[in-house]
Amino acid sequence: MAKKVGLGRGLDALIQEKKVTAPVLDAPAPDSTGITKIAVGRIKPNPMQPRRIFRDEQLSELIASIKEHGILQPLLVRQKEKHFELIAGERRLRAAKAANLPEVPVILLDIGDQEALEIALIENLQRDDLNLMEEAEGYRELADKFKLTQDQIAKRVGKARASVANILRLLDLPAGIKKMLEGGQISAGHGKVLLGVEIDAEKELLAQRILRESLSVRALEKIVERLKKPAKKPRAEKSDLPIDYVRHLSEKLHQHFGTAVHISSTKTLSNGKKVKGAIQIDYYNNEDLTRVLEILGISSEDL
């Protein structure tokens, strides 16, 4: 199979191209593989680090591994004035400090801010270390700070443009839902469906329902489809009798029967069809029913 190329798929090639081979800042000269060792205290955090959440259990495992085997993969750093700035490998650096290592293996790169962010993103993406919101915010940083298009971002991180676009859209969700995405409680698929709901309050209610009912993306899609269906309009209709006449007739029948009489007129629909009318005469006991029947000319003997 041919090797994929491009920044997102050729990170090793980029590192080889940008390696610094001469000693700097009193650091030892790199060995034949381009790796040198630098004191832990001389490495400053990366202010553009896309990853914000570091799981304690994962860090504990790494600390134990480093104590046993050392750091197997060098950190990536660059020179910044009189110190070194971390590009990639923050979890390894944190674990090294916790394990009380005096120095760590690094590869020193000669790169600018944009490439530093790209490499940090790519390395984390390749390791599946970023949650969805960290990934989305990294893409937004490339777009806002370095004016890259979605197509350019996609090429640099080795993803389809549609994937980058969909992840960026998740940033438009309410803060509470973004927290759920960040914690892995709901998926990118859920987030994409929720984006189709106009009202933020409804988005949040649906997100809570996802958690409560363990809804799949497909089940959520069906719910949202039902929400989007317009309410059925009442059929256009016209009463065949004037309202005043129906009210007058009801009063006359009330006087005649000595009890409430309710009349609903026949109606004509917009398509010409008729809706039946009705007359309801109230009664309150058997004697009252007998009285109403007699007024109607119906004797109990006839029943």
C-alpha atoms as a PDB file:
ATOM      1  CA  MET A   1       0.000   0.000   0.000  1.00  0.00           C
ATOM      2  CA  ALA A   2       1.383   3.428  -0.914  1.00  0.00           C
ATOM      3  CA  LYS A   3       2.314   5.646   2.002  1.00  0.00           C
ATOM      4  CA  LYS A   4      -0.087   8.540   2.491  1.00  0.00           C
ATOM      5  CA  VAL A   5       1.447  11.999   2.251  1.00  0.00           C
ATOM      6  CA  GLY A   6       0.508  15.477   3.472  1.00  0.00           C
ATOM      7  CA  LEU A   7       1.009  17.144   6.827  1.00  0.00           C
ATOM      8  CA  GLY A   8      -1.796  15.271   8.543  1.00  0.00           C
ATOM      9  CA  ARG A   9      -0.572  11.906   7.279  1.00  0.00           C
ATOM     10  CA  GLY A  10       3.183  12.638   7.125  1.00  0.00           C
ATOM     11  CA  LEU A  11       3.969  13.907  10.611  1.00  0.00           C
ATOM     12  CA  ASP A  12       7.190  11.872  10.822  1.00  0.00           C
ATOM     13  CA  ALA A  13       8.421  13.410   7.595  1.00  0.00           C
ATOM     14  CA  LEU A  14       7.694  16.906   8.872  1.00  0.00           C
ATOM     15  CA  ILE A  15       9.577  16.221  12.119  1.00  0.00           C
ATOM     16  CA  GLN A  16      12.578  14.944  10.177  1.00  0.00           C
ATOM     17  CA  GLU A  17      12.509  18.054   8.010  1.00  0.00           C
ATOM     18  CA  LYS A  18      12.268  20.491  10.951  1.00  0.00           C
ATOM     19  CA  LYS A  19      14.765  18.841  13.333  1.00  0.00           C
ATOM     20  CA  VAL A  20      17.459  21.041  14.822  1.00  0.00           C
ATOM     21  CA  THR A  21      20.770  19.186  14.618  1.00  0.00           C
ATOM     22  CA  ALA A  22      23.128  21.754  16.216  1.00  0.00           C
ATOM     23  CA  PRO A  23      23.365  22.325  19.994  1.00  0.00           C
ATOM     24  CA  VAL A  24      21.275  25.213  21.361  1.00  0.00           C
ATOM     25  CA  LEU A  25      20.840  26.844  24.759  1.00  0.00           C
ATOM     26  CA  ASP A  26      23.659  24.794  26.221  1.00  0.00           C
ATOM     27  CA  ALA A  27      21.745  21.588  25.488  1.00  0.00           C
ATOM     28  CA  PRO A  28      23.677  18.445  24.564  1.00  0.00           C
ATOM     29  CA  ALA A  29      24.069  17.795  20.845  1.00  0.00           C
ATOM     30  CA  PRO A  30      21.390  15.464  19.442  1.00  0.00           C
ATOM     31  CA  ASP A  31      22.374  11.843  18.851  1.00  0.00           C
ATOM     32  CA  SER A  32      22.217  10.176  15.450  1.00  0.00           C
ATOM     33  CA  THR A  33      18.415   9.935  15.669  1.00  0.00           C
ATOM     34  CA  GLY A  34      18.022  13.631  16.491  1.00  0.00           C
ATOM     35  CA  ILE A  35      17.183  13.050  20.166  1.00  0.00           C
ATOM     36  CA  THR A  36      18.743  15.029  22.999  1.00  0.00           C
ATOM     37  CA  LYS A  37      18.012  15.242  26.724  1.00  0.00           C
ATOM     38  CA  ILE A  38      16.860  18.399  28.470  1.00  0.00           C
ATOM     39  CA  ALA A  39      16.214  19.117  32.139  1.00  0.00           C
ATOM     40  CA  VAL A  40      12.513  18.913  32.974  1.00  0.00           C
ATOM     41  CA  GLY A  41      12.536  22.372  34.548  1.00  0.00           C
ATOM     42  CA  ARG A  42      13.689  24.020  31.299  1.00  0.00           C
ATOM     43  CA  ILE A  43      10.552  22.967  29.389  1.00  0.00           C
ATOM     44  CA  LYS A  44       7.577  25.325  29.557  1.00  0.00           C
ATOM     45  CA  PRO A  45       3.961  24.300  28.774  1.00  0.00           C
ATOM     46  CA  ASN A  46       2.517  24.893  25.334  1.00  0.00           C
ATOM     47  CA  PRO A  47       0.020  27.816  25.557  1.00  0.00           C
ATOM     48  CA  MET A  48      -1.732  26.439  22.450  1.00  0.00           C
ATOM     49  CA  GLN A  49      -2.014  22.906  23.826  1.00  0.00           C
ATOM     50  CA  PRO A  50      -5.354  21.631  22.448  1.00  0.00           C
ATOM     51  CA  ARG A  51      -5.722  19.043  25.186  1.00  0.00           C
ATOM     52  CA  ARG A  52      -7.139  20.312  28.488  1.00  0.00           C
ATOM     53  CA  ILE A  53      -8.387  17.166  30.237  1.00  0.00           C
ATOM     54  CA  PHE A  54      -5.902  14.639  31.598  1.00  0.00           C
ATOM     55  CA  ARG A  55      -7.399  11.574  33.267  1.00  0.00           C
ATOM     56  CA  ASP A  56      -5.825  10.746  36.627  1.00  0.00           C
ATOM     57  CA  GLU A  57      -6.003   6.993  36.068  1.00  0.00           C
ATOM     58  CA  GLN A  58      -4.275   7.232  32.681  1.00  0.00           C
ATOM     59  CA  LEU A  59      -1.586   9.506  34.127  1.00  0.00           C
ATOM     60  CA  SER A  60      -1.018   7.077  37.023  1.00  0.00           C
ATOM     61  CA  GLU A  61      -0.478   4.236  34.562  1.00  0.00           C
ATOM     62  CA  LEU A  62       1.994   6.315  32.560  1.00  0.00           C
ATOM     63  CA  ILE A  63       3.908   7.319  35.709  1.00  0.00           C
ATOM     64  CA  ALA A  64       4.256   3.666  36.667  1.00  0.00           C
ATOM     65  CA  SER A  65       5.434   2.784  33.142  1.00  0.00           C
ATOM     66  CA  ILE A  66       7.996   5.616  33.119  1.00  0.00           C
ATOM     67  CA  LYS A  67       9.387   4.539  36.493  1.00  0.00           C
ATOM     68  CA  GLU A  68       9.806   1.031  35.092  1.00  0.00           C
ATOM     69  CA  HIS A  69      10.911   1.683  31.512  1.00  0.00           C
ATOM     70  CA  GLY A  70      11.626   5.408  31.182  1.00  0.00           C
ATOM     71  CA  ILE A  71      10.152   7.606  28.443  1.00  0.00           C
ATOM     72  CA  LEU A  72      10.013   5.546  25.262  1.00  0.00           C
ATOM     73  CA  GLN A  73       8.923   8.313  22.878  1.00  0.00           C
ATOM     74  CA  PRO A  74      10.673  11.707  22.960  1.00  0.00           C
ATOM     75  CA  LEU A  75       8.775  14.935  23.522  1.00  0.00           C
ATOM     76  CA  LEU A  76       8.652  17.561  20.787  1.00  0.00           C
ATOM     77  CA  VAL A  77       9.906  21.025  21.793  1.00  0.00           C
ATOM     78  CA  ARG A  78      11.041  24.266  20.204  1.00  0.00           C
ATOM     79  CA  GLN A  79      13.331  27.030  21.391  1.00  0.00           C
ATOM     80  CA  LYS A  80      11.604  30.121  22.817  1.00  0.00           C
ATOM     81  CA  GLU A  81      14.034  32.784  23.955  1.00  0.00           C
ATOM     82  CA  LYS A  82      15.960  31.240  26.862  1.00  0.00           C
ATOM     83  CA  HIS A  83      13.750  28.224  27.456  1.00  0.00           C
ATOM     84  CA  PHE A  84      12.167  25.363  25.539  1.00  0.00           C
ATOM     85  CA  GLU A  85       8.441  25.296  24.783  1.00  0.00           C
ATOM     86  CA  LEU A  86       6.596  22.007  24.635  1.00  0.00           C
ATOM     87  CA  ILE A  87       4.920  21.220  21.305  1.00  0.00           C
ATOM     88  CA  ALA A  88       3.673  17.700  21.950  1.00  0.00           C
ATOM     89  CA  GLY A  89       3.966  15.287  24.875  1.00  0.00           C
ATOM     90  CA  GLU A  90       2.404  17.139  27.808  1.00  0.00           C
ATOM     91  CA  ARG A  91       1.128  13.930  29.418  1.00  0.00           C
ATOM     92  CA  ARG A  92       4.640  12.451  29.228  1.00  0.00           C
ATOM     93  CA  LEU A  93       6.104  15.645  30.708  1.00  0.00           C
ATOM     94  CA  ARG A  94       3.611  15.637  33.587  1.00  0.00           C
ATOM     95  CA  ALA A  95       4.318  11.990  34.268  1.00  0.00           C
ATOM     96  CA  ALA A  96       8.080  12.607  34.150  1.00  0.00           C
ATOM     97  CA  LYS A  97       7.744  15.355  36.771  1.00  0.00           C
ATOM     98  CA  ALA A  98       5.603  13.087  38.952  1.00  0.00           C
ATOM     99  CA  ALA A  99       8.200  10.304  38.584  1.00  0.00           C
ATOM    100  CA  ASN A 100      10.932  12.803  39.596  1.00  0.00           C
ATOM    101  CA  LEU A 101      12.939  12.356  36.396  1.00  0.00           C
ATOM    102  CA  PRO A 102      15.664  15.018  36.165  1.00  0.00           C
ATOM    103  CA  GLU A 103      15.592  15.153  32.351  1.00  0.00           C
ATOM    104  CA  VAL A 104      13.558  13.890  29.418  1.00  0.00           C
ATOM    105  CA  PRO A 105      14.382  12.914  25.828  1.00  0.00           C
ATOM    106  CA  VAL A 106      13.255  15.514  23.285  1.00  0.00           C
ATOM    107  CA  ILE A 107      13.380  16.326  19.613  1.00  0.00           C
ATOM    108  CA  LEU A 108      13.995  20.018  19.036  1.00  0.00           C
ATOM    109  CA  LEU A 109      12.114  21.501  16.070  1.00  0.00           C
ATOM    110  CA  ASP A 110      12.522  24.804  14.269  1.00  0.00           C
ATOM    111  CA  ILE A 111       8.891  25.769  13.627  1.00  0.00           C
ATOM    112  CA  GLY A 112       6.474  28.697  14.039  1.00  0.00           C
ATOM    113  CA  ASP A 113       3.211  29.005  15.968  1.00  0.00           C
ATOM    114  CA  GLN A 114       0.986  27.614  13.205  1.00  0.00           C
ATOM    115  CA  GLU A 115       3.056  24.470  12.673  1.00  0.00           C
ATOM    116  CA  ALA A 116       3.366  24.031  16.450  1.00  0.00           C
ATOM    117  CA  LEU A 117      -0.426  23.980  16.819  1.00  0.00           C
ATOM    118  CA  GLU A 118      -0.833  21.698  13.798  1.00  0.00           C
ATOM    119  CA  ILE A 119       1.674  19.196  15.174  1.00  0.00           C
ATOM    120  CA  ALA A 120       0.102  19.282  18.643  1.00  0.00           C
ATOM    121  CA  LEU A 121      -3.300  18.599  17.080  1.00  0.00           C
ATOM    122  CA  ILE A 122      -2.035  15.849  14.802  1.00  0.00           C
ATOM    123  CA  GLU A 123      -0.095  14.047  17.511  1.00  0.00           C
ATOM    124  CA  ASN A 124      -3.074  14.087  19.866  1.00  0.00           C
ATOM    125  CA  LEU A 125      -5.461  12.996  17.110  1.00  0.00           C
ATOM    126  CA  GLN A 126      -3.233  10.095  16.146  1.00  0.00           C
ATOM    127  CA  ARG A 127      -3.212   8.960  19.768  1.00  0.00           C
ATOM    128  CA  ASP A 128      -6.989   9.529  20.165  1.00  0.00           C
ATOM    129  CA  ASP A 129      -6.126  11.752  23.132  1.00  0.00           C
ATOM    130  CA  LEU A 130      -8.472  14.630  22.291  1.00  0.00           C
ATOM    131  CA  ASN A 131     -12.149  14.751  23.152  1.00  0.00           C
ATOM    132  CA  LEU A 132     -14.526  16.213  20.581  1.00  0.00           C
ATOM    133  CA  MET A 133     -14.562  19.732  21.985  1.00  0.00           C
ATOM    134  CA  GLU A 134     -10.777  19.909  22.312  1.00  0.00           C
ATOM    135  CA  GLU A 135     -10.532  18.837  18.691  1.00  0.00           C
ATOM    136  CA  ALA A 136     -13.136  21.393  17.607  1.00  0.00           C
ATOM    137  CA  GLU A 137     -11.427  24.227  19.479  1.00  0.00           C
ATOM    138  CA  GLY A 138      -8.081  23.271  17.948  1.00  0.00           C
ATOM    139  CA  TYR A 139      -9.607  23.559  14.481  1.00  0.00           C
ATOM    140  CA  ARG A 140     -11.181  26.893  15.378  1.00  0.00           C
ATOM    141  CA  GLU A 141      -7.788  28.168  16.533  1.00  0.00           C
ATOM    142  CA  LEU A 142      -6.305  27.249  13.141  1.00  0.00           C
ATOM    143  CA  ALA A 143      -9.212  28.971  11.397  1.00  0.00           C
ATOM    144  CA  ASP A 144      -9.335  32.135  13.525  1.00  0.00           C
ATOM    145  CA  LYS A 145      -5.682  32.714  14.348  1.00  0.00           C
ATOM    146  CA  PHE A 146      -4.085  31.500  11.127  1.00  0.00           C
ATOM    147  CA  LYS A 147      -6.994  32.128   8.717  1.00  0.00           C
ATOM    148  CA  LEU A 148      -7.041  28.575   7.391  1.00  0.00           C
ATOM    149  CA  THR A 149     -10.080  27.331   5.488  1.00  0.00           C
ATOM    150  CA  GLN A 150     -11.812  24.115   6.479  1.00  0.00           C
ATOM    151  CA  ASP A 151     -10.304  22.453   3.421  1.00  0.00           C
ATOM    152  CA  GLN A 152      -6.797  23.548   4.439  1.00  0.00           C
ATOM    153  CA  ILE A 153      -7.333  22.345   8.018  1.00  0.00           C
ATOM    154  CA  ALA A 154      -8.588  18.993   6.754  1.00  0.00           C
ATOM    155  CA  LYS A 155      -5.498  18.505   4.597  1.00  0.00           C
ATOM    156  CA  ARG A 156      -3.172  19.394   7.470  1.00  0.00           C
ATOM    157  CA  VAL A 157      -4.720  17.021   9.999  1.00  0.00           C
ATOM    158  CA  GLY A 158      -5.453  14.246   7.505  1.00  0.00           C
ATOM    159  CA  LYS A 159      -9.244  14.272   7.744  1.00  0.00           C
ATOM    160  CA  ALA A 160     -12.100  14.738   5.306  1.00  0.00           C
ATOM    161  CA  ARG A 161     -13.295  18.329   5.013  1.00  0.00           C
ATOM    162  CA  ALA A 162     -16.831  17.245   5.954  1.00  0.00           C
ATOM    163  CA  SER A 163     -15.512  15.740   9.213  1.00  0.00           C
ATOM    164  CA  VAL A 164     -13.750  18.986  10.117  1.00  0.00           C
ATOM    165  CA  ALA A 165     -16.881  21.006   9.241  1.00  0.00           C
ATOM    166  CA  ASN A 166     -19.147  18.783  11.360  1.00  0.00           C
ATOM    167  CA  ILE A 167     -16.813  18.924  14.361  1.00  0.00           C
ATOM    168  CA  LEU A 168     -16.518  22.716  14.118  1.00  0.00           C
ATOM    169  CA  ARG A 169     -20.320  23.024  14.073  1.00  0.00           C
ATOM    170  CA  LEU A 170     -20.457  21.375  17.512  1.00  0.00           C
ATOM    171  CA  LEU A 171     -19.062  24.614  18.938  1.00  0.00           C
ATOM    172  CA  ASP A 172     -22.478  26.206  18.201  1.00  0.00           C
ATOM    173  CA  LEU A 173     -24.209  23.968  20.760  1.00  0.00           C
ATOM    174  CA  PRO A 174     -25.173  25.276  24.233  1.00  0.00           C
ATOM    175  CA  ALA A 175     -22.467  25.077  26.913  1.00  0.00           C
ATOM    176  CA  GLY A 176     -24.160  22.248  28.816  1.00  0.00           C
ATOM    177  CA  ILE A 177     -24.270  20.010  25.756  1.00  0.00           C
ATOM    178  CA  LYS A 178     -20.640  20.809  24.912  1.00  0.00           C
ATOM    179  CA  LYS A 179     -19.738  19.597  28.416  1.00  0.00           C
ATOM    180  CA  MET A 180     -21.518  16.305  27.672  1.00  0.00           C
ATOM    181  CA  LEU A 181     -19.580  15.953  24.416  1.00  0.00           C
ATOM    182  CA  GLU A 182     -16.359  16.797  26.223  1.00  0.00           C
ATOM    183  CA  GLY A 183     -17.029  14.102  28.813  1.00  0.00           C
ATOM    184  CA  GLY A 184     -18.021  11.523  26.210  1.00  0.00           C
ATOM    185  CA  GLN A 185     -21.573  11.254  27.580  1.00  0.00           C
ATOM    186  CA  ILE A 186     -23.034  11.872  24.139  1.00  0.00           C
ATOM    187  CA  SER A 187     -21.473  11.318  20.722  1.00  0.00           C
ATOM    188  CA  ALA A 188     -20.679  13.586  17.796  1.00  0.00           C
ATOM    189  CA  GLY A 189     -23.632  11.956  16.017  1.00  0.00           C
ATOM    190  CA  HIS A 190     -25.964  13.053  18.828  1.00  0.00           C
ATOM    191  CA  GLY A 191     -24.507  16.562  18.675  1.00  0.00           C
ATOM    192  CA  LYS A 192     -25.014  16.775  14.933  1.00  0.00           C
ATOM    193  CA  VAL A 193     -28.702  15.842  15.293  1.00  0.00           C
ATOM    194  CA  LEU A 194     -29.198  18.350  18.130  1.00  0.00           C
ATOM    195  CA  LEU A 195     -27.847  21.103  15.875  1.00  0.00           C
ATOM    196  CA  GLY A 196     -30.981  20.625  13.771  1.00  0.00           C
ATOM    197  CA  VAL A 197     -33.182  21.773  16.675  1.00  0.00           C
ATOM    198  CA  GLU A 198     -33.771  25.549  16.576  1.00  0.00           C
ATOM    199  CA  ILE A 199     -34.449  26.338  20.243  1.00  0.00           C
ATOM    200  CA  ASP A 200     -31.543  25.896  22.682  1.00  0.00           C
ATOM    201  CA  ALA A 201     -33.839  24.937  25.563  1.00  0.00           C
ATOM    202  CA  GLU A 202     -35.234  22.093  23.449  1.00  0.00           C
ATOM    203  CA  LYS A 203     -31.699  20.995  22.565  1.00  0.00           C
ATOM    204  CA  GLU A 204     -30.846  20.776  26.266  1.00  0.00           C
ATOM    205  CA  LEU A 205     -34.026  18.857  27.130  1.00  0.00           C
ATOM    206  CA  LEU A 206     -33.282  16.364  24.372  1.00  0.00           C
ATOM    207  CA  ALA A 207     -29.680  15.999  25.561  1.00  0.00           C
ATOM    208  CA  GLN A 208     -30.929  15.124  29.034  1.00  0.00           C
ATOM    209  CA  ARG A 209     -33.320  12.630  27.471  1.00  0.00           C
ATOM    210  CA  ILE A 210     -30.405  11.000  25.610  1.00  0.00           C
ATOM    211  CA  LEU A 211     -28.723  10.351  28.962  1.00  0.00           C
ATOM    212  CA  ARG A 212     -31.891   9.321  30.755  1.00  0.00           C
ATOM    213  CA  GLU A 213     -33.127   6.906  28.088  1.00  0.00           C
ATOM    214  CA  SER A 214     -29.761   5.927  26.531  1.00  0.00           C
ATOM    215  CA  LEU A 215     -31.079   7.048  23.146  1.00  0.00           C
ATOM    216  CA  SER A 216     -29.186   5.988  20.038  1.00  0.00           C
ATOM    217  CA  VAL A 217     -28.447   8.542  17.329  1.00  0.00           C
ATOM    218  CA  ARG A 218     -31.129   6.974  15.126  1.00  0.00           C
ATOM    219  CA  ALA A 219     -33.732   7.141  17.909  1.00  0.00           C
ATOM    220  CA  LEU A 220     -32.867  10.807  18.465  1.00  0.00           C
ATOM    221  CA  GLU A 221     -33.229  11.500  14.737  1.00  0.00           C
ATOM    222  CA  LYS A 222     -36.771  10.099  14.789  1.00  0.00           C
ATOM    223  CA  ILE A 223     -37.711  12.265  17.776  1.00  0.00           C
ATOM    224  CA  VAL A 224     -36.334  15.399  16.110  1.00  0.00           C
ATOM    225  CA  GLU A 225     -38.129  14.548  12.850  1.00  0.00           C
ATOM    226  CA  ARG A 226     -41.422  14.385  14.754  1.00  0.00           C
ATOM    227  CA  LEU A 227     -40.693  17.723  16.430  1.00  0.00           C
ATOM    228  CA  LYS A 228     -40.067  19.359  13.067  1.00  0.00           C
ATOM    229  CA  LYS A 229     -43.342  18.208  11.538  1.00  0.00           C
ATOM    230  CA  PRO A 230     -45.721  21.176  11.389  1.00  0.00           C
ATOM    231  CA  ALA A 231     -48.850  20.922  13.480  1.00  0.00           C
ATOM    232  CA  LYS A 232     -51.885  19.952  11.465  1.00  0.00           C
ATOM    233  CA  LYS A 233     -53.929  22.978  10.574  1.00  0.00           C
ATOM    234  CA  PRO A 234     -57.568  22.823  11.590  1.00  0.00           C
ATOM    235  CA  ARG A 235     -59.795  22.238   8.627  1.00  0.00           C
ATOM    236  CA  ALA A 236     -61.382  25.390   7.260  1.00  0.00           C
ATOM    237  CA  GLU A 237     -65.086  25.196   7.999  1.00  0.00           C
ATOM    238  CA  LYS A 238     -68.163  27.384   7.993  1.00  0.00           C
ATOM    239  CA  SER A 239     -71.155  27.027  10.285  1.00  0.00           C
ATOM    240  CA  ASP A 240     -74.444  26.601   8.381  1.00  0.00           C
ATOM    241  CA  LEU A 241     -76.358  28.641  11.000  1.00  0.00           C
ATOM    242  CA  PRO A 242     -75.497  32.059  12.448  1.00  0.00           C
ATOM    243  CA  ILE A 243     -74.150  31.917  16.004  1.00  0.00           C
ATOM    244  CA  ASP A 244     -76.838  34.304  17.281  1.00  0.00           C
ATOM    245  CA  TYR A 245     -79.571  32.101  15.856  1.00  0.00           C
ATOM    246  CA  VAL A 246     -78.080  28.958  17.468  1.00  0.00           C
ATOM    247  CA  ARG A 247     -77.910  30.777  20.829  1.00  0.00           C
ATOM    248  CA  HIS A 248     -81.536  31.996  20.491  1.00  0.00           C
ATOM    249  CA  LEU A 249     -82.733  28.503  19.552  1.00  0.00           C
ATOM    250  CA  SER A 250     -80.906  26.967  22.518  1.00  0.00           C
ATOM    251  CA  GLU A 251     -82.653  29.378  24.891  1.00  0.00           C
ATOM    252  CA  LYS A 252     -86.064  28.596  23.384  1.00  0.00           C
ATOM    253  CA  LEU A 253     -85.506  24.844  23.751  1.00  0.00           C
ATOM    254  CA  HIS A 254     -84.275  25.396  27.309  1.00  0.00           C
ATOM    255  CA  GLN A 255     -87.580  27.077  28.139  1.00  0.00           C
ATOM    256  CA  HIS A 256     -89.527  24.351  26.374  1.00  0.00           C
ATOM    257  CA  PHE A 257     -87.837  21.381  28.064  1.00  0.00           C
ATOM    258  CA  GLY A 258     -86.969  23.030  31.378  1.00  0.00           C
ATOM    259  CA  THR A 259     -83.357  21.901  31.109  1.00  0.00           C
ATOM    260  CA  ALA A 260     -80.185  22.893  29.264  1.00  0.00           C
ATOM    261  CA  VAL A 261     -80.143  22.146  25.532  1.00  0.00           C
ATOM    262  CA  HIS A 262     -76.867  22.331  23.553  1.00  0.00           C
ATOM    263  CA  ILE A 263     -76.920  22.785  19.797  1.00  0.00           C
ATOM    264  CA  SER A 264     -73.943  22.446  17.436  1.00  0.00           C
ATOM    265  CA  SER A 265     -74.748  23.523  13.900  1.00  0.00           C
ATOM    266  CA  THR A 266     -73.925  21.541  10.785  1.00  0.00           C
ATOM    267  CA  LYS A 267     -70.770  22.844   9.081  1.00  0.00           C
ATOM    268  CA  THR A 268     -69.548  23.034   5.518  1.00  0.00           C
ATOM    269  CA  LEU A 269     -65.842  22.264   4.940  1.00  0.00           C
ATOM    270  CA  SER A 270     -63.655  24.026   2.389  1.00  0.00           C
ATOM    271  CA  ASN A 271     -63.913  20.979   0.122  1.00  0.00           C
ATOM    272  CA  GLY A 272     -67.727  21.138   0.201  1.00  0.00           C
ATOM    273  CA  LYS A 273     -68.222  18.208   2.563  1.00  0.00           C
ATOM    274  CA  LYS A 274     -70.705  18.493   5.428  1.00  0.00           C
ATOM    275  CA  VAL A 275     -70.036  17.924   9.135  1.00  0.00           C
ATOM    276  CA  LYS A 276     -73.096  16.793  11.058  1.00  0.00           C
ATOM    277  CA  GLY A 277     -74.722  18.896  13.753  1.00  0.00           C
ATOM    278  CA  ALA A 278     -76.105  17.704  17.092  1.00  0.00           C
ATOM    279  CA  ILE A 279     -78.662  18.548  19.775  1.00  0.00           C
ATOM    280  CA  GLN A 280     -77.950  17.512  23.400  1.00  0.00           C
ATOM    281  CA  ILE A 281     -80.695  17.654  26.045  1.00  0.00           C
ATOM    282  CA  ASP A 282     -79.522  17.391  29.656  1.00  0.00           C
ATOM    283  CA  TYR A 283     -81.403  15.415  32.318  1.00  0.00           C
ATOM    284  CA  TYR A 284     -80.416  14.625  35.900  1.00  0.00           C
ATOM    285  CA  ASN A 285     -82.415  11.557  37.026  1.00  0.00           C
ATOM    286  CA  ASN A 286     -84.922   8.992  35.776  1.00  0.00           C
ATOM    287  CA  GLU A 287     -87.894  11.201  36.583  1.00  0.00           C
ATOM    288  CA  ASP A 288     -86.328  14.051  34.620  1.00  0.00           C
ATOM    289  CA  LEU A 289     -85.768  11.713  31.660  1.00  0.00           C
ATOM    290  CA  THR A 290     -89.425  10.593  31.756  1.00  0.00           C
ATOM    291  CA  ARG A 291     -90.533  14.237  31.774  1.00  0.00           C
ATOM    292  CA  VAL A 292     -88.371  15.093  28.753  1.00  0.00           C
ATOM    293  CA  LEU A 293     -89.620  12.028  26.879  1.00  0.00           C
ATOM    294  CA  GLU A 294     -93.245  12.995  27.537  1.00  0.00           C
ATOM    295  CA  ILE A 295     -92.567  16.497  26.152  1.00  0.00           C
ATOM    296  CA  LEU A 296     -91.226  14.774  23.083  1.00  0.00           C
ATOM    297  CA  GLY A 297     -94.461  12.777  22.896  1.00  0.00           C
ATOM    298  CA  ILE A 298     -92.843   9.516  23.960  1.00  0.00           C
ATOM    299  CA  SER A 299     -94.715   7.643  26.707  1.00  0.00           C
ATOM    300  CA  SER A 300     -92.976   5.158  28.992  1.00  0.00           C
ATOM    301  CA  GLU A 301     -95.614   2.681  27.853  1.00  0.00           C
ATOM    302  CA  ASP A 302     -94.252   2.986  24.318  1.00  0.00           C
ATOM    303  CA  LEU A 303     -90.770   1.871  25.433  1.00  0.00           C
END
